């Protein structure tokens, strides 16, 4: 069970502050949110990917169906070096969240890693991967 916290502000004044329990997934909530507030978001709603958020944003903003990024390009986007395991182990780039929290950076925005080779990561939009 997840707790959803809602706060409605008018400038700095809090008009509403509440929380409720939900079984909806993050993706379901993000799809419902614009309908609930009867508005379109100013920019795409991106689930937090922690310290890998900038990679999520880059992939979200891409107009391509495939992205090939070098490890160095990814490090430049992130603003820090990838861990050594990213260089040494293909499993670091797996498309599973269990034990690989960095995968949220691409999975939660609809991308998958198709290939990792010679210091390059080949990302593909999820619908293209099927």
N, C-alpha and C. Protein backbone atom coordinates (compact mmCIF):
# COMPACT_ATOMS: atom_id res chain seq x y z
N UNK A 1 0.85 -1.18 0.00
CA UNK A 1 0.00 0.00 0.00
C UNK A 1 0.89 1.24 0.00
N UNK A 2 0.56 2.18 -0.87
CA UNK A 2 1.32 3.42 -0.98
C UNK A 2 0.52 4.56 -0.35
N UNK A 3 1.21 5.59 0.08
CA UNK A 3 0.55 6.78 0.61
C UNK A 3 0.73 7.90 -0.41
N UNK A 4 -0.39 8.48 -0.84
CA UNK A 4 -0.38 9.59 -1.78
C UNK A 4 -0.62 10.87 -0.98
N UNK A 5 0.34 11.80 -1.04
CA UNK A 5 0.20 13.09 -0.36
C UNK A 5 -0.15 14.14 -1.39
N UNK A 6 -1.19 14.92 -1.09
CA UNK A 6 -1.67 15.94 -2.01
C UNK A 6 -1.64 17.29 -1.29
N UNK A 7 -1.06 18.27 -1.99
CA UNK A 7 -1.02 19.62 -1.43
C UNK A 7 -1.37 20.60 -2.55
N UNK A 8 -2.35 21.44 -2.30
CA UNK A 8 -2.78 22.44 -3.27
C UNK A 8 -2.37 23.81 -2.74
N UNK A 9 -1.60 24.54 -3.54
CA UNK A 9 -1.09 25.84 -3.13
C UNK A 9 -1.63 26.94 -4.04
N UNK A 10 -1.86 28.11 -3.45
CA UNK A 10 -2.16 29.33 -4.20
C UNK A 10 -1.06 30.30 -3.80
N UNK A 11 -0.11 30.50 -4.72
CA UNK A 11 1.15 31.17 -4.39
C UNK A 11 1.80 30.37 -3.27
N UNK A 12 1.99 30.93 -2.11
CA UNK A 12 2.61 30.20 -1.01
C UNK A 12 1.58 29.71 0.02
N UNK A 13 0.32 30.07 -0.17
CA UNK A 13 -0.72 29.70 0.78
C UNK A 13 -1.23 28.28 0.51
N UNK A 14 -1.25 27.44 1.54
CA UNK A 14 -1.73 26.07 1.43
C UNK A 14 -3.26 26.09 1.50
N UNK A 15 -3.90 25.65 0.40
CA UNK A 15 -5.36 25.58 0.36
C UNK A 15 -5.87 24.21 0.80
N UNK A 16 -5.07 23.17 0.53
CA UNK A 16 -5.46 21.81 0.86
C UNK A 16 -4.22 20.99 1.09
N UNK A 17 -4.25 20.18 2.13
CA UNK A 17 -3.16 19.26 2.41
C UNK A 17 -3.77 17.99 2.97
N UNK A 18 -3.58 16.88 2.26
CA UNK A 18 -4.17 15.62 2.69
C UNK A 18 -3.31 14.46 2.21
N UNK A 19 -3.59 13.30 2.72
CA UNK A 19 -2.94 12.09 2.23
C UNK A 19 -3.93 10.95 2.27
N UNK A 20 -3.73 9.99 1.35
CA UNK A 20 -4.61 8.83 1.29
C UNK A 20 -3.81 7.61 0.85
N UNK A 21 -4.33 6.45 1.14
CA UNK A 21 -3.69 5.20 0.76
C UNK A 21 -4.19 4.78 -0.61
N UNK A 22 -3.31 4.21 -1.42
CA UNK A 22 -3.69 3.77 -2.76
C UNK A 22 -2.94 2.50 -3.13
N UNK A 23 -3.56 1.73 -4.00
CA UNK A 23 -2.89 0.55 -4.56
C UNK A 23 -2.49 0.80 -6.01
N UNK A 24 -2.79 2.00 -6.54
CA UNK A 24 -2.43 2.32 -7.91
C UNK A 24 -0.92 2.37 -8.06
N UNK A 25 -0.45 2.01 -9.25
CA UNK A 25 0.98 2.09 -9.52
C UNK A 25 1.33 3.54 -9.85
N UNK A 26 2.62 3.85 -9.83
CA UNK A 26 3.08 5.18 -10.18
C UNK A 26 2.64 5.56 -11.59
N UNK A 27 2.77 4.65 -12.52
CA UNK A 27 2.38 4.91 -13.90
C UNK A 27 0.88 5.21 -14.00
N UNK A 28 0.05 4.47 -13.27
CA UNK A 28 -1.39 4.72 -13.29
C UNK A 28 -1.71 6.10 -12.72
N UNK A 29 -1.06 6.46 -11.64
CA UNK A 29 -1.29 7.78 -11.05
C UNK A 29 -0.89 8.91 -11.99
N UNK A 30 0.24 8.76 -12.67
CA UNK A 30 0.70 9.80 -13.58
C UNK A 30 -0.24 9.95 -14.78
N UNK A 31 -0.84 8.85 -15.23
CA UNK A 31 -1.82 8.93 -16.32
C UNK A 31 -3.11 9.61 -15.86
N UNK A 32 -3.50 9.37 -14.62
CA UNK A 32 -4.76 9.93 -14.10
C UNK A 32 -4.66 11.39 -13.68
N UNK A 33 -3.51 11.82 -13.28
CA UNK A 33 -3.36 13.15 -12.70
C UNK A 33 -3.90 14.28 -13.57
N UNK A 34 -3.57 14.37 -14.86
CA UNK A 34 -4.12 15.47 -15.66
C UNK A 34 -5.65 15.46 -15.70
N UNK A 35 -6.25 14.28 -15.71
CA UNK A 35 -7.71 14.18 -15.72
C UNK A 35 -8.29 14.68 -14.40
N UNK A 36 -7.64 14.33 -13.31
CA UNK A 36 -8.14 14.73 -12.00
C UNK A 36 -8.14 16.24 -11.81
N UNK A 37 -7.16 16.91 -12.35
CA UNK A 37 -7.07 18.36 -12.17
C UNK A 37 -7.61 19.12 -13.37
N UNK A 38 -8.12 18.37 -14.37
CA UNK A 38 -8.72 18.96 -15.57
C UNK A 38 -7.75 19.91 -16.28
N UNK A 39 -6.51 19.47 -16.41
CA UNK A 39 -5.51 20.29 -17.08
C UNK A 39 -4.41 19.39 -17.63
N UNK A 40 -3.74 19.91 -18.62
CA UNK A 40 -2.57 19.21 -19.16
C UNK A 40 -1.33 19.72 -18.43
N UNK A 41 -0.40 18.84 -18.12
CA UNK A 41 0.81 19.29 -17.46
C UNK A 41 1.63 20.20 -18.38
N UNK A 42 2.35 21.16 -17.78
CA UNK A 42 3.18 22.07 -18.56
C UNK A 42 4.32 21.33 -19.23
N UNK A 43 4.85 20.32 -18.56
CA UNK A 43 5.87 19.47 -19.17
C UNK A 43 5.57 18.05 -18.74
N UNK A 44 6.11 17.07 -19.45
CA UNK A 44 5.78 15.68 -19.13
C UNK A 44 6.08 15.33 -17.68
N UNK A 45 5.18 14.56 -17.08
CA UNK A 45 5.38 14.10 -15.72
C UNK A 45 6.34 12.93 -15.74
N UNK A 46 7.46 13.06 -15.05
CA UNK A 46 8.50 12.04 -15.05
C UNK A 46 8.65 11.52 -13.63
N UNK A 47 8.48 10.23 -13.43
CA UNK A 47 8.73 9.68 -12.09
C UNK A 47 10.18 9.93 -11.70
N UNK A 48 10.41 10.12 -10.45
CA UNK A 48 11.76 10.37 -9.98
C UNK A 48 12.64 9.14 -10.19
N UNK A 49 13.81 9.37 -10.74
CA UNK A 49 14.79 8.31 -10.94
C UNK A 49 16.02 8.59 -10.09
N UNK A 50 15.82 9.34 -9.01
CA UNK A 50 16.92 9.63 -8.09
C UNK A 50 18.07 10.32 -8.78
N UNK A 51 19.27 9.86 -8.49
CA UNK A 51 20.45 10.53 -9.04
C UNK A 51 20.60 10.32 -10.54
N UNK A 52 19.80 9.44 -11.14
CA UNK A 52 19.84 9.20 -12.58
C UNK A 52 18.72 9.96 -13.31
N UNK A 53 18.09 10.92 -12.62
CA UNK A 53 16.97 11.69 -13.16
C UNK A 53 17.31 12.39 -14.48
N UNK A 54 18.52 12.91 -14.61
CA UNK A 54 18.88 13.63 -15.84
C UNK A 54 18.89 12.70 -17.05
N UNK A 55 19.22 11.44 -16.86
CA UNK A 55 19.14 10.47 -17.96
C UNK A 55 17.67 10.27 -18.34
N UNK A 56 16.79 10.16 -17.35
CA UNK A 56 15.34 10.05 -17.62
C UNK A 56 14.85 11.23 -18.43
N UNK A 57 15.25 12.42 -18.03
CA UNK A 57 14.81 13.63 -18.72
C UNK A 57 15.31 13.65 -20.16
N UNK A 58 16.55 13.25 -20.36
CA UNK A 58 17.11 13.21 -21.72
C UNK A 58 16.30 12.26 -22.60
N UNK A 59 16.03 11.07 -22.10
CA UNK A 59 15.28 10.09 -22.88
C UNK A 59 13.85 10.56 -23.14
N UNK A 60 13.23 11.18 -22.14
CA UNK A 60 11.87 11.68 -22.29
C UNK A 60 11.79 12.76 -23.36
N UNK A 61 12.79 13.60 -23.43
CA UNK A 61 12.79 14.71 -24.39
C UNK A 61 13.20 14.29 -25.79
N UNK A 62 13.71 13.09 -25.95
CA UNK A 62 14.16 12.62 -27.25
C UNK A 62 12.98 12.39 -28.19
N UNK A 63 13.15 12.81 -29.43
CA UNK A 63 12.14 12.56 -30.47
C UNK A 63 12.44 11.28 -31.23
N UNK A 64 13.51 10.61 -30.86
CA UNK A 64 13.96 9.41 -31.56
C UNK A 64 13.28 8.16 -30.97
N UNK A 65 13.31 7.08 -31.73
CA UNK A 65 12.84 5.80 -31.20
C UNK A 65 14.01 4.99 -30.65
N UNK A 66 15.23 5.41 -31.01
CA UNK A 66 16.44 4.76 -30.50
C UNK A 66 17.46 5.83 -30.12
N UNK A 67 18.22 5.56 -29.10
CA UNK A 67 19.29 6.45 -28.64
C UNK A 67 20.53 5.62 -28.39
N UNK A 68 21.64 6.03 -28.93
CA UNK A 68 22.92 5.39 -28.66
C UNK A 68 23.76 6.42 -27.90
N UNK A 69 24.09 6.12 -26.65
CA UNK A 69 24.87 7.03 -25.82
C UNK A 69 26.12 6.33 -25.33
N UNK A 70 27.23 7.03 -25.37
CA UNK A 70 28.45 6.48 -24.79
C UNK A 70 28.38 6.63 -23.28
N UNK A 71 29.19 5.84 -22.58
CA UNK A 71 29.26 5.99 -21.13
C UNK A 71 29.63 7.43 -20.78
N UNK A 72 30.56 8.02 -21.55
CA UNK A 72 31.00 9.39 -21.29
C UNK A 72 29.84 10.38 -21.48
N UNK A 73 29.03 10.19 -22.50
CA UNK A 73 27.87 11.07 -22.70
C UNK A 73 26.89 10.95 -21.53
N UNK A 74 26.69 9.74 -21.06
CA UNK A 74 25.79 9.53 -19.92
C UNK A 74 26.36 10.21 -18.68
N UNK A 75 27.65 10.07 -18.46
CA UNK A 75 28.28 10.72 -17.31
C UNK A 75 28.18 12.24 -17.41
N UNK A 76 28.30 12.78 -18.60
CA UNK A 76 28.15 14.23 -18.79
C UNK A 76 26.73 14.66 -18.46
N UNK A 77 25.74 13.89 -18.93
CA UNK A 77 24.34 14.18 -18.60
C UNK A 77 24.11 14.18 -17.10
N UNK A 78 24.64 13.14 -16.44
CA UNK A 78 24.41 12.95 -15.01
C UNK A 78 25.20 13.93 -14.15
N UNK A 79 26.38 14.30 -14.61
CA UNK A 79 27.23 15.17 -13.83
C UNK A 79 28.12 14.42 -12.84
N UNK A 80 28.22 13.11 -13.01
CA UNK A 80 29.10 12.29 -12.17
C UNK A 80 29.47 11.02 -12.93
N UNK A 81 30.52 10.35 -12.46
CA UNK A 81 30.98 9.12 -13.10
C UNK A 81 30.06 7.95 -12.77
N UNK A 82 29.86 7.10 -13.75
CA UNK A 82 29.13 5.85 -13.51
C UNK A 82 29.98 4.96 -12.60
N UNK A 83 29.34 4.09 -11.84
CA UNK A 83 30.12 3.17 -11.01
C UNK A 83 30.90 2.19 -11.88
N UNK A 84 31.95 1.63 -11.34
CA UNK A 84 32.77 0.67 -12.08
C UNK A 84 31.95 -0.52 -12.57
N UNK A 85 30.94 -0.91 -11.81
CA UNK A 85 30.11 -2.05 -12.23
C UNK A 85 29.38 -1.77 -13.54
N UNK A 86 29.09 -0.49 -13.84
CA UNK A 86 28.45 -0.15 -15.10
C UNK A 86 29.38 -0.43 -16.28
N UNK A 87 30.68 -0.29 -16.03
CA UNK A 87 31.69 -0.55 -17.06
C UNK A 87 32.00 -2.04 -17.19
N UNK A 88 31.94 -2.75 -16.08
CA UNK A 88 32.39 -4.14 -16.04
C UNK A 88 31.31 -5.18 -16.27
N UNK A 89 30.08 -4.86 -15.88
CA UNK A 89 29.03 -5.88 -15.87
C UNK A 89 27.81 -5.45 -16.68
N UNK A 90 27.48 -6.21 -17.70
CA UNK A 90 26.30 -5.93 -18.52
C UNK A 90 25.03 -5.93 -17.65
N UNK A 91 25.03 -6.73 -16.60
CA UNK A 91 23.85 -6.82 -15.72
C UNK A 91 23.48 -5.48 -15.10
N UNK A 92 24.45 -4.59 -14.94
CA UNK A 92 24.15 -3.26 -14.37
C UNK A 92 23.12 -2.54 -15.23
N UNK A 93 23.11 -2.84 -16.51
CA UNK A 93 22.21 -2.19 -17.47
C UNK A 93 20.94 -3.01 -17.72
N UNK A 94 20.64 -3.96 -16.86
CA UNK A 94 19.48 -4.82 -17.09
C UNK A 94 18.18 -4.02 -17.02
N UNK A 95 17.16 -4.57 -17.62
CA UNK A 95 15.84 -3.93 -17.66
C UNK A 95 14.94 -4.46 -16.56
N UNK A 96 15.46 -4.46 -15.35
CA UNK A 96 14.68 -4.89 -14.20
C UNK A 96 14.99 -3.97 -13.03
N UNK A 97 13.96 -3.63 -12.28
CA UNK A 97 14.14 -2.73 -11.14
C UNK A 97 14.68 -3.46 -9.91
N UNK A 98 14.41 -4.74 -9.81
CA UNK A 98 14.84 -5.50 -8.64
C UNK A 98 16.36 -5.59 -8.61
N UNK A 99 16.95 -4.92 -7.63
CA UNK A 99 18.39 -4.93 -7.48
C UNK A 99 19.12 -3.98 -8.42
N UNK A 100 18.38 -3.26 -9.26
CA UNK A 100 18.98 -2.34 -10.23
C UNK A 100 18.17 -1.04 -10.24
N UNK A 101 18.25 -0.28 -9.17
CA UNK A 101 17.44 0.93 -9.07
C UNK A 101 17.73 1.94 -10.17
N UNK A 102 18.94 1.91 -10.74
CA UNK A 102 19.27 2.83 -11.83
C UNK A 102 18.39 2.58 -13.06
N UNK A 103 17.87 1.36 -13.20
CA UNK A 103 17.03 1.04 -14.34
C UNK A 103 15.75 1.86 -14.38
N UNK A 104 15.36 2.42 -13.25
CA UNK A 104 14.19 3.31 -13.23
C UNK A 104 14.39 4.49 -14.17
N UNK A 105 15.64 4.91 -14.37
CA UNK A 105 15.93 6.05 -15.23
C UNK A 105 15.43 5.84 -16.65
N UNK A 106 15.47 4.61 -17.14
CA UNK A 106 14.97 4.36 -18.49
C UNK A 106 13.63 3.64 -18.50
N UNK A 107 13.40 2.72 -17.59
CA UNK A 107 12.16 1.94 -17.61
C UNK A 107 10.93 2.78 -17.32
N UNK A 108 11.03 3.68 -16.34
CA UNK A 108 9.86 4.46 -15.95
C UNK A 108 9.46 5.51 -16.97
N UNK A 109 10.30 5.74 -17.96
CA UNK A 109 9.93 6.69 -19.01
C UNK A 109 9.76 5.99 -20.37
N UNK A 110 9.63 4.65 -20.33
CA UNK A 110 9.26 3.91 -21.53
C UNK A 110 10.40 3.49 -22.44
N UNK A 111 11.60 3.35 -21.90
CA UNK A 111 12.75 2.92 -22.70
C UNK A 111 13.31 1.62 -22.14
N UNK A 112 14.04 0.89 -22.99
CA UNK A 112 14.75 -0.31 -22.57
C UNK A 112 16.17 -0.26 -23.12
N UNK A 113 17.08 -0.93 -22.43
CA UNK A 113 18.43 -1.10 -22.94
C UNK A 113 18.41 -2.35 -23.81
N UNK A 114 18.80 -2.17 -25.07
CA UNK A 114 18.83 -3.30 -26.00
C UNK A 114 20.22 -3.92 -26.10
N UNK A 115 21.25 -3.09 -25.96
CA UNK A 115 22.60 -3.58 -26.15
C UNK A 115 23.58 -2.68 -25.43
N UNK A 116 24.62 -3.27 -24.86
CA UNK A 116 25.74 -2.53 -24.27
C UNK A 116 27.00 -3.12 -24.88
N UNK A 117 27.76 -2.27 -25.57
CA UNK A 117 28.93 -2.79 -26.28
C UNK A 117 29.96 -1.68 -26.46
N UNK A 118 31.20 -1.98 -26.14
CA UNK A 118 32.33 -1.07 -26.35
C UNK A 118 32.07 0.33 -25.80
N UNK A 119 31.56 0.39 -24.57
CA UNK A 119 31.34 1.67 -23.92
C UNK A 119 30.16 2.46 -24.43
N UNK A 120 29.24 1.80 -25.12
CA UNK A 120 28.04 2.45 -25.64
C UNK A 120 26.80 1.69 -25.17
N UNK A 121 25.75 2.46 -24.91
CA UNK A 121 24.47 1.88 -24.51
C UNK A 121 23.44 2.20 -25.58
N UNK A 122 22.78 1.17 -26.09
CA UNK A 122 21.75 1.33 -27.12
C UNK A 122 20.40 1.24 -26.42
N UNK A 123 19.70 2.38 -26.31
CA UNK A 123 18.36 2.45 -25.73
C UNK A 123 17.34 2.42 -26.86
N UNK A 124 16.19 1.82 -26.60
CA UNK A 124 15.10 1.79 -27.58
C UNK A 124 13.80 2.03 -26.84
N UNK A 125 12.90 2.79 -27.47
CA UNK A 125 11.59 3.03 -26.85
C UNK A 125 10.90 1.69 -26.66
N UNK A 126 10.20 1.54 -25.56
CA UNK A 126 9.62 0.25 -25.20
C UNK A 126 8.70 -0.31 -26.29
N UNK A 127 7.84 0.50 -26.90
CA UNK A 127 6.95 -0.02 -27.93
C UNK A 127 7.73 -0.51 -29.14
N UNK A 128 8.93 0.03 -29.38
CA UNK A 128 9.76 -0.41 -30.49
C UNK A 128 10.46 -1.71 -30.15
N UNK A 129 10.62 -1.99 -28.85
CA UNK A 129 11.36 -3.18 -28.41
C UNK A 129 10.53 -4.45 -28.55
N UNK A 130 9.25 -4.32 -28.73
CA UNK A 130 8.36 -5.49 -28.80
C UNK A 130 8.38 -6.15 -30.13
